[in-house]
Protein backbone atom coordinates (compact mmCIF):
# COMPACT_ATOMS: atom_id res chain seq x y z
CA MET A 1 208.21 -55.99 31.56
CA PRO A 2 205.79 -58.15 29.28
CA SER A 3 203.64 -60.77 30.98
CA ASP A 4 204.21 -64.41 30.16
CA LYS A 5 200.42 -64.98 30.72
CA PRO A 6 198.53 -65.94 27.53
CA GLN A 7 196.24 -63.08 26.30
CA SER A 8 192.62 -63.77 26.26
CA CYS A 9 190.97 -63.97 22.89
CA ARG A 10 188.64 -61.04 22.29
CA THR A 11 185.20 -61.60 20.53
CA LEU A 12 182.80 -59.44 18.64
CA MET A 13 179.59 -60.40 16.80
CA LEU A 14 177.95 -58.67 13.82
CA GLN A 15 174.23 -59.13 13.59
CA GLY A 16 172.05 -57.76 10.87
CA THR A 17 168.76 -55.98 10.88
CA GLY A 18 167.80 -58.39 8.09
CA SER A 19 169.31 -60.86 5.53
CA ASP A 20 171.69 -59.72 2.89
CA VAL A 21 172.74 -56.58 4.68
CA GLY A 22 176.43 -57.36 3.98
CA LYS A 23 177.43 -59.14 7.28
CA SER A 24 179.66 -61.74 5.50
CA LEU A 25 181.53 -59.25 3.51
CA LEU A 26 182.10 -56.95 6.49
CA VAL A 27 183.35 -59.90 8.62
CA ALA A 28 185.80 -60.81 5.88
CA GLY A 29 187.07 -57.16 5.50
CA LEU A 30 187.40 -56.73 9.17
CA LEU A 31 189.29 -60.05 9.50
CA ARG A 32 191.75 -59.00 6.76
CA ALA A 33 192.14 -55.54 8.31
CA TYR A 34 192.92 -56.87 11.80
CA GLN A 35 195.09 -59.55 10.39
CA ARG A 36 197.18 -56.86 8.55
CA ARG A 37 197.51 -55.19 11.85
CA GLY A 38 199.22 -58.28 13.27
CA LEU A 39 196.37 -59.90 15.13
CA ARG A 40 195.55 -63.65 14.91
CA VAL A 41 192.01 -63.69 13.76
CA ARG A 42 189.32 -66.26 13.06
CA PRO A 43 185.70 -66.18 11.65
CA PHE A 44 182.79 -67.96 13.33
CA LYS A 45 179.18 -68.33 12.31
CA PRO A 46 177.06 -70.48 14.74
CA GLN A 47 174.46 -71.34 12.25
CA ASN A 48 174.38 -70.76 8.39
CA MET A 49 171.89 -71.62 5.75
CA SER A 50 173.32 -72.04 2.22
CA ASN A 51 173.66 -74.55 -0.59
CA ASN A 52 176.97 -72.84 -1.41
CA ALA A 53 179.36 -74.78 0.66
CA ALA A 54 183.15 -75.44 0.90
CA VAL A 55 185.15 -78.34 1.90
CA THR A 56 187.72 -78.10 4.65
CA PRO A 57 191.13 -79.85 4.57
CA GLY A 58 189.78 -82.23 7.23
CA GLY A 59 187.07 -83.41 4.82
CA GLY A 60 183.96 -81.52 6.38
CA GLU A 61 181.87 -78.90 4.81
CA ILE A 62 181.04 -75.37 5.93
CA GLY A 63 179.38 -72.30 4.39
CA ARG A 64 181.27 -70.73 1.52
CA ALA A 65 181.38 -67.34 3.30
CA GLN A 66 183.25 -68.77 6.24
CA ALA A 67 185.86 -70.30 3.87
CA LEU A 68 186.37 -66.98 2.29
CA GLN A 69 186.46 -65.31 5.77
CA ALA A 70 189.20 -67.90 6.81
CA ARG A 71 191.09 -66.92 3.76
CA ALA A 72 190.79 -63.27 4.66
CA ALA A 73 192.15 -64.13 8.22
CA GLY A 74 195.12 -66.07 6.58
CA VAL A 75 194.17 -69.48 8.13
CA GLU A 76 192.83 -72.74 6.90
CA PRO A 77 189.04 -73.22 7.26
CA THR A 78 187.82 -75.70 9.82
CA VAL A 79 184.38 -77.13 10.65
CA HIS A 80 184.42 -75.31 13.92
CA MET A 81 184.16 -71.93 11.97
CA ASN A 82 180.61 -72.97 11.11
CA PRO A 83 179.38 -75.85 13.26
CA VAL A 84 175.81 -75.93 12.03
CA LEU A 85 175.10 -75.59 8.23
CA LEU A 86 171.59 -75.99 6.84
CA LYS A 87 171.28 -76.90 3.19
CA PRO A 88 167.86 -76.59 1.83
CA THR A 89 166.33 -79.39 -0.12
CA THR A 90 162.67 -78.08 -0.20
CA ASP A 91 160.85 -74.90 0.59
CA ILE A 92 160.31 -76.36 4.23
CA GLY A 93 163.07 -78.79 4.73
CA ALA A 94 166.86 -78.89 4.89
CA GLN A 95 169.90 -81.14 5.35
CA VAL A 96 171.43 -80.51 8.74
CA VAL A 97 175.20 -80.53 8.76
CA VAL A 98 176.88 -80.54 12.17
CA ARG A 99 180.65 -79.92 12.34
CA GLY A 100 180.97 -80.75 8.59
CA GLU A 101 179.02 -84.07 8.58
CA VAL A 102 175.31 -84.69 7.65
CA GLN A 103 173.35 -85.36 10.78
CA ALA A 104 169.78 -85.36 9.65
CA THR A 105 167.23 -84.03 7.20
CA ALA A 106 164.56 -82.03 8.85
CA LYS A 107 161.57 -79.94 8.11
CA ALA A 108 161.55 -76.26 9.53
CA ARG A 109 159.44 -77.21 12.55
CA GLU A 110 161.54 -80.28 13.29
CA TYR A 111 164.74 -78.31 13.09
CA HIS A 112 163.35 -75.61 15.36
CA ALA A 113 162.85 -78.34 18.05
CA LEU A 114 166.38 -79.74 17.40
CA LYS A 115 168.19 -76.36 17.70
CA LYS A 116 168.47 -76.19 21.49
CA SER A 117 170.26 -79.55 21.59
CA LEU A 118 172.85 -78.07 19.23
CA LEU A 119 173.84 -75.14 21.27
CA PRO A 120 176.41 -77.10 23.39
CA THR A 121 178.11 -78.20 20.22
CA VAL A 122 178.20 -74.67 18.86
CA LEU A 123 179.57 -73.29 22.14
CA GLU A 124 182.27 -76.04 22.24
CA SER A 125 183.35 -75.29 18.64
CA PHE A 126 183.58 -71.51 19.69
CA GLU A 127 185.80 -72.38 22.57
CA ILE A 128 188.00 -74.63 20.38
CA LEU A 129 188.35 -71.75 17.93
CA LYS A 130 189.53 -69.39 20.58
CA GLU A 131 192.76 -71.43 21.12
CA GLY A 132 195.63 -69.50 19.54
CA ALA A 133 193.52 -66.66 18.44
CA ASP A 134 193.61 -62.96 19.41
CA LEU A 135 190.13 -62.01 17.96
CA ILE A 136 187.09 -63.93 16.74
CA ILE A 137 184.54 -62.07 14.72
CA VAL A 138 181.22 -63.80 14.79
CA GLU A 139 178.55 -63.47 12.04
CA GLY A 140 174.91 -63.68 12.85
CA ALA A 141 172.22 -65.09 10.49
CA GLY A 142 169.28 -63.15 9.03
CA SER A 143 167.78 -60.78 11.52
CA ALA A 144 168.78 -60.07 15.09
CA ALA A 145 164.98 -59.38 15.89
CA GLU A 146 163.42 -62.64 14.80
CA VAL A 147 161.60 -62.72 18.02
CA ASN A 148 159.15 -65.36 16.91
CA LEU A 149 162.10 -67.79 16.92
CA ARG A 150 163.87 -66.55 19.90
CA ASP A 151 163.23 -69.32 22.32
CA ALA A 152 165.55 -71.74 20.47
CA ASP A 153 167.79 -69.24 18.81
CA ILE A 154 171.53 -70.24 18.37
CA ALA A 155 172.34 -67.94 15.46
CA ASN A 156 171.96 -64.34 16.88
CA MET A 157 171.07 -63.15 20.35
CA GLY A 158 170.69 -66.66 21.72
CA PHE A 159 174.33 -67.33 20.90
CA ALA A 160 175.55 -63.80 21.99
CA GLU A 161 173.88 -64.28 25.44
CA ALA A 162 175.13 -67.86 25.89
CA ALA A 163 178.64 -67.08 24.78
CA GLY A 164 178.77 -63.50 26.29
CA VAL A 165 179.68 -61.77 23.09
CA PRO A 166 179.07 -58.06 22.47
CA VAL A 167 177.11 -57.23 19.39
CA VAL A 168 177.25 -54.59 16.66
CA LEU A 169 174.17 -54.15 14.41
CA ILE A 170 174.48 -53.84 10.61
CA GLY A 171 172.01 -51.78 8.65
CA ASP A 172 171.73 -51.80 4.89
CA ILE A 173 170.85 -48.23 3.62
CA ASP A 174 170.88 -49.30 0.03
CA ARG A 175 167.53 -51.12 0.42
CA GLY A 176 165.97 -48.17 2.16
CA GLY A 177 164.38 -47.89 5.73
CA VAL A 178 167.66 -48.19 7.55
CA ILE A 179 166.67 -45.85 10.37
CA ALA A 180 163.49 -47.76 10.99
CA SER A 181 165.20 -51.14 10.68
CA LEU A 182 167.91 -50.15 13.31
CA ILE A 183 165.41 -48.39 15.80
CA GLY A 184 162.88 -51.28 15.25
CA THR A 185 165.40 -54.01 15.94
CA HIS A 186 166.48 -52.18 19.07
CA LEU A 187 162.82 -51.87 20.18
CA LEU A 188 162.14 -55.57 19.65
CA LEU A 189 164.99 -56.81 21.62
CA SER A 190 164.68 -57.52 25.38
CA ASP A 191 166.40 -55.44 27.97
CA THR A 192 168.99 -58.21 28.57
CA GLU A 193 169.73 -58.45 24.88
CA ARG A 194 170.11 -54.78 24.50
CA ASP A 195 172.86 -54.94 27.16
CA PHE A 196 174.95 -56.68 24.54
CA LEU A 197 174.57 -54.04 21.90
CA LYS A 198 177.61 -51.73 21.52
CA GLY A 199 176.71 -49.88 18.42
CA TYR A 200 175.90 -50.15 14.86
CA ILE A 201 177.31 -49.84 11.31
CA ILE A 202 175.63 -48.29 8.20
CA ASN A 203 176.50 -50.40 5.21
CA LYS A 204 176.25 -49.95 1.40
CA PHE A 205 175.95 -46.11 1.35
CA ARG A 206 175.98 -44.31 -2.02
CA GLY A 207 176.63 -40.57 -2.35
CA ASP A 208 177.45 -37.97 0.18
CA ALA A 209 177.75 -39.71 3.65
CA SER A 210 177.41 -36.27 5.42
CA LEU A 211 173.87 -36.23 4.35
CA PHE A 212 173.22 -39.05 6.95
CA ASP A 213 174.46 -37.08 9.82
CA ASP A 214 170.91 -36.26 11.03
CA GLY A 215 170.05 -39.97 10.72
CA ILE A 216 172.92 -40.82 13.08
CA THR A 217 171.68 -38.25 15.51
CA ILE A 218 168.04 -39.57 15.36
CA ILE A 219 169.20 -43.24 15.75
CA GLY A 220 171.41 -42.25 18.74
CA GLU A 221 168.48 -40.37 20.38
CA LYS A 222 166.10 -43.29 20.02
CA THR A 223 168.57 -46.08 20.91
CA GLY A 224 171.64 -44.55 22.69
CA LEU A 225 173.80 -46.60 20.31
CA ASN A 226 177.09 -45.44 18.99
CA CYS A 227 177.67 -45.38 15.17
CA PHE A 228 181.10 -47.04 14.26
CA GLY A 229 180.92 -45.78 10.76
CA VAL A 230 179.08 -45.35 7.48
CA VAL A 231 180.54 -47.73 4.84
CA PRO A 232 180.21 -46.71 1.18
CA PHE A 233 179.04 -49.18 -1.35
CA PHE A 234 181.99 -51.52 -2.28
CA ALA A 235 181.63 -52.31 -5.85
CA ALA A 236 184.61 -54.65 -6.00
CA ALA A 237 182.67 -57.21 -3.96
CA ARG A 238 181.45 -58.64 -7.24
CA PHE A 239 184.96 -60.23 -7.58
CA LEU A 240 184.55 -62.27 -4.43
CA PRO A 241 182.84 -65.74 -4.23
CA LYS A 242 179.10 -65.49 -3.48
CA GLU A 243 177.28 -67.58 -0.86
CA ASP A 244 173.66 -66.61 -0.94
CA ALA A 245 171.51 -67.41 -4.07
CA LEU A 246 170.13 -63.90 -3.65
CA ALA A 247 173.40 -62.78 -5.24
CA LEU A 248 172.08 -64.46 -8.50
CA ASP A 249 169.14 -62.11 -8.74
CA ASN A 250 169.62 -60.28 -11.94
CA GLU A 251 173.22 -61.30 -11.78
CA GLY A 252 175.53 -62.07 -14.62
CA SER A 253 178.86 -60.84 -15.89
CA GLY A 254 177.05 -58.59 -18.40
CA PRO A 255 178.05 -58.26 -21.98
CA THR A 256 181.16 -56.10 -22.61
CA ALA A 257 182.46 -54.70 -25.77
CA GLY A 258 183.58 -57.45 -28.04
CA SER A 259 182.64 -60.26 -25.61
CA PRO A 260 183.30 -63.46 -27.63
CA VAL A 261 182.08 -66.08 -25.25
CA LYS A 262 178.55 -66.43 -24.08
CA ILE A 263 177.79 -68.97 -21.36
CA ALA A 264 174.12 -69.65 -20.36
CA VAL A 265 173.40 -71.10 -16.88
CA PRO A 266 169.86 -72.26 -16.07
CA ARG A 267 168.96 -71.13 -12.56
CA LEU A 268 167.81 -74.44 -10.84
CA SER A 269 165.50 -74.13 -8.01
CA ARG A 270 168.00 -75.68 -5.65
CA ILE A 271 171.06 -74.45 -7.28
CA ALA A 272 174.26 -75.22 -5.25
CA ASN A 273 177.91 -74.34 -5.29
CA PHE A 274 177.28 -71.59 -7.87
CA ASP A 275 180.53 -69.89 -7.05
CA ASP A 276 181.82 -72.32 -9.82
CA LEU A 277 180.68 -69.53 -12.17
CA ASP A 278 182.61 -66.70 -10.54
CA PRO A 279 185.99 -67.22 -12.34
CA LEU A 280 184.19 -67.34 -15.65
CA ALA A 281 182.09 -64.19 -15.01
CA ALA A 282 185.41 -62.38 -13.91
CA GLU A 283 186.75 -62.68 -17.44
CA ALA A 284 186.16 -59.36 -19.32
CA ASP A 285 185.28 -61.18 -22.61
CA VAL A 286 182.96 -63.72 -21.14
CA ASP A 287 179.17 -63.02 -20.74
CA VAL A 288 177.68 -65.37 -18.08
CA VAL A 289 173.80 -65.35 -18.47
CA ILE A 290 171.80 -66.63 -15.55
CA VAL A 291 168.60 -67.87 -17.14
CA GLU A 292 165.57 -67.47 -14.88
CA ALA A 293 162.64 -69.84 -14.76
CA GLY A 294 160.19 -69.27 -17.64
CA ASP A 295 162.93 -67.83 -19.92
CA PRO A 296 164.38 -69.94 -22.78
CA LEU A 297 168.10 -70.83 -22.85
CA PRO A 298 169.55 -68.44 -25.48
CA GLY A 299 170.09 -69.95 -28.79
CA ASP A 300 173.30 -68.08 -29.43
CA ALA A 301 175.09 -69.44 -26.24
CA ASP A 302 178.54 -70.90 -26.90
CA LEU A 303 178.22 -73.07 -23.80
CA ILE A 304 175.30 -74.16 -21.62
CA LEU A 305 176.55 -75.01 -18.13
CA ILE A 306 174.27 -77.04 -15.70
CA PRO A 307 175.40 -76.26 -12.14
CA GLY A 308 175.16 -78.23 -9.03
CA SER A 309 171.96 -78.94 -7.06
CA LYS A 310 170.89 -79.78 -3.66
CA ALA A 311 167.95 -81.82 -4.95
CA THR A 312 169.06 -83.24 -8.25
CA LEU A 313 165.97 -85.32 -9.06
CA GLY A 314 163.71 -82.35 -8.25
CA ASP A 315 165.72 -79.91 -10.32
CA LEU A 316 165.74 -82.33 -13.20
CA ALA A 317 161.98 -82.18 -13.15
CA PHE A 318 162.20 -78.35 -12.72
CA LEU A 319 164.50 -78.12 -15.73
CA ARG A 320 162.01 -80.05 -17.89
CA GLU A 321 159.15 -77.87 -16.55
CA GLN A 322 160.92 -74.75 -17.97
CA GLY A 323 161.34 -76.53 -21.35
CA TRP A 324 165.07 -76.21 -20.95
CA ASP A 325 165.54 -79.89 -21.94
CA GLN A 326 164.35 -79.03 -25.36
CA ASP A 327 166.60 -75.97 -25.50
CA LEU A 328 169.49 -78.15 -24.55
CA ALA A 329 168.64 -80.66 -27.28
CA ALA A 330 168.39 -77.86 -29.94
CA HIS A 331 171.69 -76.36 -28.66
CA VAL A 332 173.40 -79.63 -29.11
CA ARG A 333 171.99 -80.19 -32.64
CA ARG A 334 173.44 -76.82 -33.55
CA GLY A 335 176.86 -78.02 -32.42
CA GLY A 336 176.90 -76.22 -29.11
CA ARG A 337 178.83 -77.41 -26.02
CA VAL A 338 177.45 -78.51 -22.69
CA VAL A 339 179.05 -78.84 -19.27
CA GLY A 340 177.41 -80.40 -16.26
CA LEU A 341 178.96 -79.95 -12.79
CA CYS A 342 178.06 -82.41 -9.89
CA GLY A 343 174.32 -82.44 -9.92
CA GLY A 344 174.36 -81.10 -13.37
CA TYR A 345 176.74 -83.92 -14.43
CA GLN A 346 174.26 -86.49 -12.96
CA MET A 347 171.33 -84.89 -14.93
CA LEU A 348 173.24 -85.17 -18.22
CA GLY A 349 173.14 -89.02 -18.07
CA LEU A 350 170.64 -91.68 -19.20
CA ARG A 351 169.09 -92.25 -15.88
CA LEU A 352 169.24 -91.02 -12.28
CA SER A 353 167.94 -92.70 -9.20
CA ASP A 354 167.75 -91.90 -5.51
CA PRO A 355 166.48 -95.17 -4.09
CA ASP A 356 166.97 -94.27 -0.39
CA GLY A 357 165.76 -90.62 -0.66
CA ALA A 358 169.11 -89.06 0.11
CA GLU A 359 168.22 -85.67 -1.50
CA GLY A 360 164.33 -85.80 -0.94
CA PRO A 361 161.63 -88.18 -2.00
CA ALA A 362 162.95 -91.61 -3.16
CA GLY A 363 162.57 -92.07 -6.90
CA GLU A 364 164.19 -92.22 -10.28
CA ALA A 365 163.95 -90.48 -13.67
CA GLN A 366 165.22 -90.57 -17.17
CA GLY A 367 168.09 -88.23 -17.59
CA LEU A 368 168.69 -85.74 -20.35
CA GLY A 369 170.46 -88.41 -22.41
CA LEU A 370 173.41 -86.31 -23.45
CA LEU A 371 176.16 -88.47 -21.77
CA ASN A 372 176.14 -92.25 -21.72
CA VAL A 373 176.28 -92.71 -17.96
CA GLU A 374 173.79 -93.59 -15.20
CA THR A 375 173.89 -92.34 -11.57
CA VAL A 376 172.61 -93.85 -8.30
CA ILE A 377 172.44 -91.47 -5.33
CA THR A 378 173.25 -93.50 -2.39
CA GLY A 379 175.88 -94.24 0.24
CA ASP A 380 178.15 -91.77 2.21
CA LYS A 381 178.78 -88.28 1.06
CA THR A 382 182.18 -87.63 -0.65
CA LEU A 383 183.80 -84.55 0.70
CA GLU A 384 187.39 -84.22 -0.45
CA LEU A 385 189.97 -81.71 -1.82
CA VAL A 386 191.64 -82.93 -4.90
CA ARG A 387 194.20 -81.97 -7.61
CA GLY A 388 194.69 -83.27 -11.12
CA ILE A 389 195.00 -82.20 -14.80
CA GLU A 390 192.53 -81.81 -17.61
CA THR A 391 193.12 -84.82 -20.07
CA GLU A 392 192.82 -82.79 -23.19
CA SER A 393 195.10 -79.79 -22.32
CA GLY A 394 197.27 -81.24 -19.61
CA ALA A 395 196.46 -78.01 -17.55
CA ALA A 396 196.44 -78.25 -13.79
CA VAL A 397 193.16 -78.27 -11.92
CA GLU A 398 192.27 -78.26 -8.26
CA GLY A 399 188.89 -78.27 -6.51
CA TYR A 400 186.68 -80.20 -4.21
CA GLU A 401 184.18 -83.06 -4.45
CA MET A 402 180.83 -82.67 -2.47
CA HIS A 403 178.34 -85.19 -3.62
CA MET A 404 176.53 -88.38 -2.95
CA GLY A 405 176.24 -91.12 -5.52
CA LEU A 406 178.16 -93.14 -8.14
CA THR A 407 178.13 -92.42 -11.87
CA GLU A 408 179.14 -95.13 -14.25
CA GLY A 409 178.74 -95.66 -17.99
CA ALA A 410 180.54 -95.90 -21.41
CA ASP A 411 181.45 -92.17 -21.51
CA ARG A 412 183.36 -92.67 -18.32
CA ALA A 413 186.03 -94.30 -20.64
CA ARG A 414 186.77 -90.76 -21.79
CA PRO A 415 187.34 -88.88 -18.48
CA TRP A 416 187.48 -85.09 -18.45
CA LEU A 417 190.08 -84.99 -15.71
CA ALA A 418 192.85 -87.18 -14.40
CA LEU A 419 193.23 -86.79 -10.59
CA ASP A 420 196.57 -87.02 -8.66
CA ASP A 421 195.35 -90.02 -6.74
CA GLY A 422 195.14 -92.02 -9.99
CA ARG A 423 191.40 -91.72 -10.42
CA ALA A 424 189.79 -90.98 -13.73
CA GLU A 425 187.20 -88.14 -13.09
CA GLY A 426 184.17 -87.17 -15.19
CA ALA A 427 182.94 -88.20 -18.59
CA SER A 428 183.03 -86.83 -22.23
CA THR A 429 181.22 -87.75 -25.44
CA VAL A 430 183.28 -88.99 -28.39
CA ASP A 431 183.41 -85.48 -29.89
CA GLY A 432 184.16 -83.87 -26.53
CA ARG A 433 181.30 -81.39 -26.91
CA ILE A 434 179.42 -82.73 -23.79
CA GLN A 435 181.39 -83.10 -20.58
CA GLY A 436 180.62 -83.58 -16.92
CA SER A 437 182.50 -83.74 -13.63
CA TYR A 438 181.93 -83.98 -9.86
CA LEU A 439 184.72 -81.55 -9.28
CA HIS A 440 183.76 -78.11 -8.02
CA GLY A 441 186.17 -75.06 -8.38
CA ILE A 442 187.97 -76.14 -11.35
CA PHE A 443 187.42 -72.90 -13.25
CA ALA A 444 189.46 -71.07 -10.69
CA ALA A 445 192.69 -72.59 -12.15
CA ASP A 446 193.78 -69.95 -14.62
CA GLY A 447 195.67 -72.24 -17.06
CA PHE A 448 192.70 -74.71 -17.36
CA ARG A 449 190.07 -71.78 -17.58
CA HIS A 450 192.04 -70.17 -20.35
CA ALA A 451 192.49 -73.36 -22.28
CA PHE A 452 188.90 -74.24 -21.92
CA LEU A 453 187.57 -70.77 -23.00
CA SER A 454 190.02 -70.79 -26.02
CA ARG A 455 188.31 -73.86 -27.29
CA LEU A 456 185.11 -71.87 -27.22
CA HIS A 457 186.60 -68.98 -29.00
CA ALA A 458 190.09 -69.21 -30.43
CA GLY A 459 192.37 -66.19 -30.09
CA ARG A 460 190.63 -64.69 -27.03
CA ASN A 461 192.72 -62.64 -24.55
CA GLN A 462 193.54 -64.21 -21.29
CA GLY A 463 192.19 -62.53 -18.24
CA PRO A 464 193.99 -61.92 -15.02
CA SER A 465 194.71 -64.49 -12.25
CA TYR A 466 191.42 -65.28 -10.46
CA GLU A 467 193.02 -66.19 -7.13
CA ALA A 468 195.30 -63.11 -7.29
CA ARG A 469 192.26 -60.98 -7.85
CA ILE A 470 190.51 -62.33 -4.75
CA GLU A 471 193.61 -61.42 -2.64
CA GLU A 472 193.73 -57.88 -4.12
CA THR A 473 189.91 -57.38 -3.41
CA LEU A 474 190.31 -58.66 0.17
CA ASP A 475 193.22 -56.13 0.65
CA ALA A 476 191.15 -53.38 -0.91
CA LEU A 477 188.17 -54.27 1.26
CA ALA A 478 190.34 -54.06 4.35
CA GLU A 479 191.61 -50.62 3.38
CA HIS A 480 187.99 -49.56 2.53
CA LEU A 481 186.96 -50.47 6.04
CA GLU A 482 190.14 -48.87 7.65
CA THR A 483 189.10 -45.61 6.00
CA HIS A 484 185.37 -45.61 6.85
CA LEU A 485 185.12 -47.43 10.23
CA ASP A 486 186.39 -46.95 13.67
CA LEU A 487 188.46 -50.16 13.92
CA ASP A 488 190.04 -49.15 17.09
CA GLY A 489 186.47 -48.50 18.58
CA LEU A 490 185.20 -51.84 17.48
CA LEU A 491 188.17 -53.68 18.98
CA ALA A 492 187.86 -51.72 22.22
CA CYS A 493 184.32 -52.93 22.61
CA SER A 494 185.05 -56.58 22.04
CA ASN A 495 185.12 -58.86 25.02
CA PRO A 496 188.35 -60.51 26.24
């Protein structure tokens, strides 16, 4: 006879031997796989560092990866899935977001001193997330063996020990040295920390996996750890939203035969919310070119898109240092189109000021002068999910606002979008060739994206549904992991 006693929530944590080993993707795939088995699953990441964030229905912000993982789990994202989010504003400083709200801006050493005080909040969010769940899969950050930062760790073994969560290590064989990275990580951990290790996963394998059999034997002899599987490289991951700016390295949709639309995107030093580009890059006939520092913006681009930034004044200066302001001016003279999103929208105006130093040192600067608007960065941060239509095509759009500041000026009289709450959003020049908006995520709307791209190149073929492709990719990822991982073994080693 079945018991009426509620089942305890099981927990399992994936920690990496380094950054960018595929933890986020594996968590998303495992969540979808276990969800398809009928389990109520949730993602959790104690501490994340990313300028690619998402807005939750409650009006908070979390890492983009946790929003995707929530989608894989079939649940709405909440701030408890990523209670601490660091958004870098300089090489040594970041905005500290706690449970979706900005708490402070701190330099690296200052944040290190602050971390211990955040652990109770992290643990409380973890307990809240357990309610109504059968399984939580936790994602670590960076490397499990950052022993120089261990005394205040809340992201890896510090959290695992505090919450009593078993750990599986992830090694990336694609970058090389995976045997050394796994054995070295095991060696650097304390005896107490090793007690939490249940095994490891080899990720991003290319070729014949049987060739790594001896490697598994060696790792087992040196560590005593069990291998839960060797996961072949999952090429379709390119269709999923990116979180880390490392994903932009040498990234672009790449020219395809007959690609009629070329979109150039300057890679700002503090580029943010660059998943705005993903729906465009997913179109087979669109070539999205990420322009690196020192390279000119291509003269044959149909559109130059200036993305969001976590340090808008700083990135405006960075843009000028690269000479991209001159490239933009030449592009406009040739009749080219320009779009600015969020920070990029603010840069397009006549003037930009940050009197309170909300995004870095206080100051002001002349904008690019392509839109007749001015922006003052001050006041509370706007975090909101919104819907509306594009004024020109009438096509539906939806997305999210995540910004500080107010933008006003004559070109606001020609808004790009009309929101369902009655607000006019964005600005356009008289000829409509220069447009800006605070709304992230608008290109994910198929009808709007197709209408917009058709204005760049008439008669182009419409691509597939972007949202449907994400769902198909998550399902394919789940099947991929079902084939190559011991999902029963991973579940068995999770803690109730």
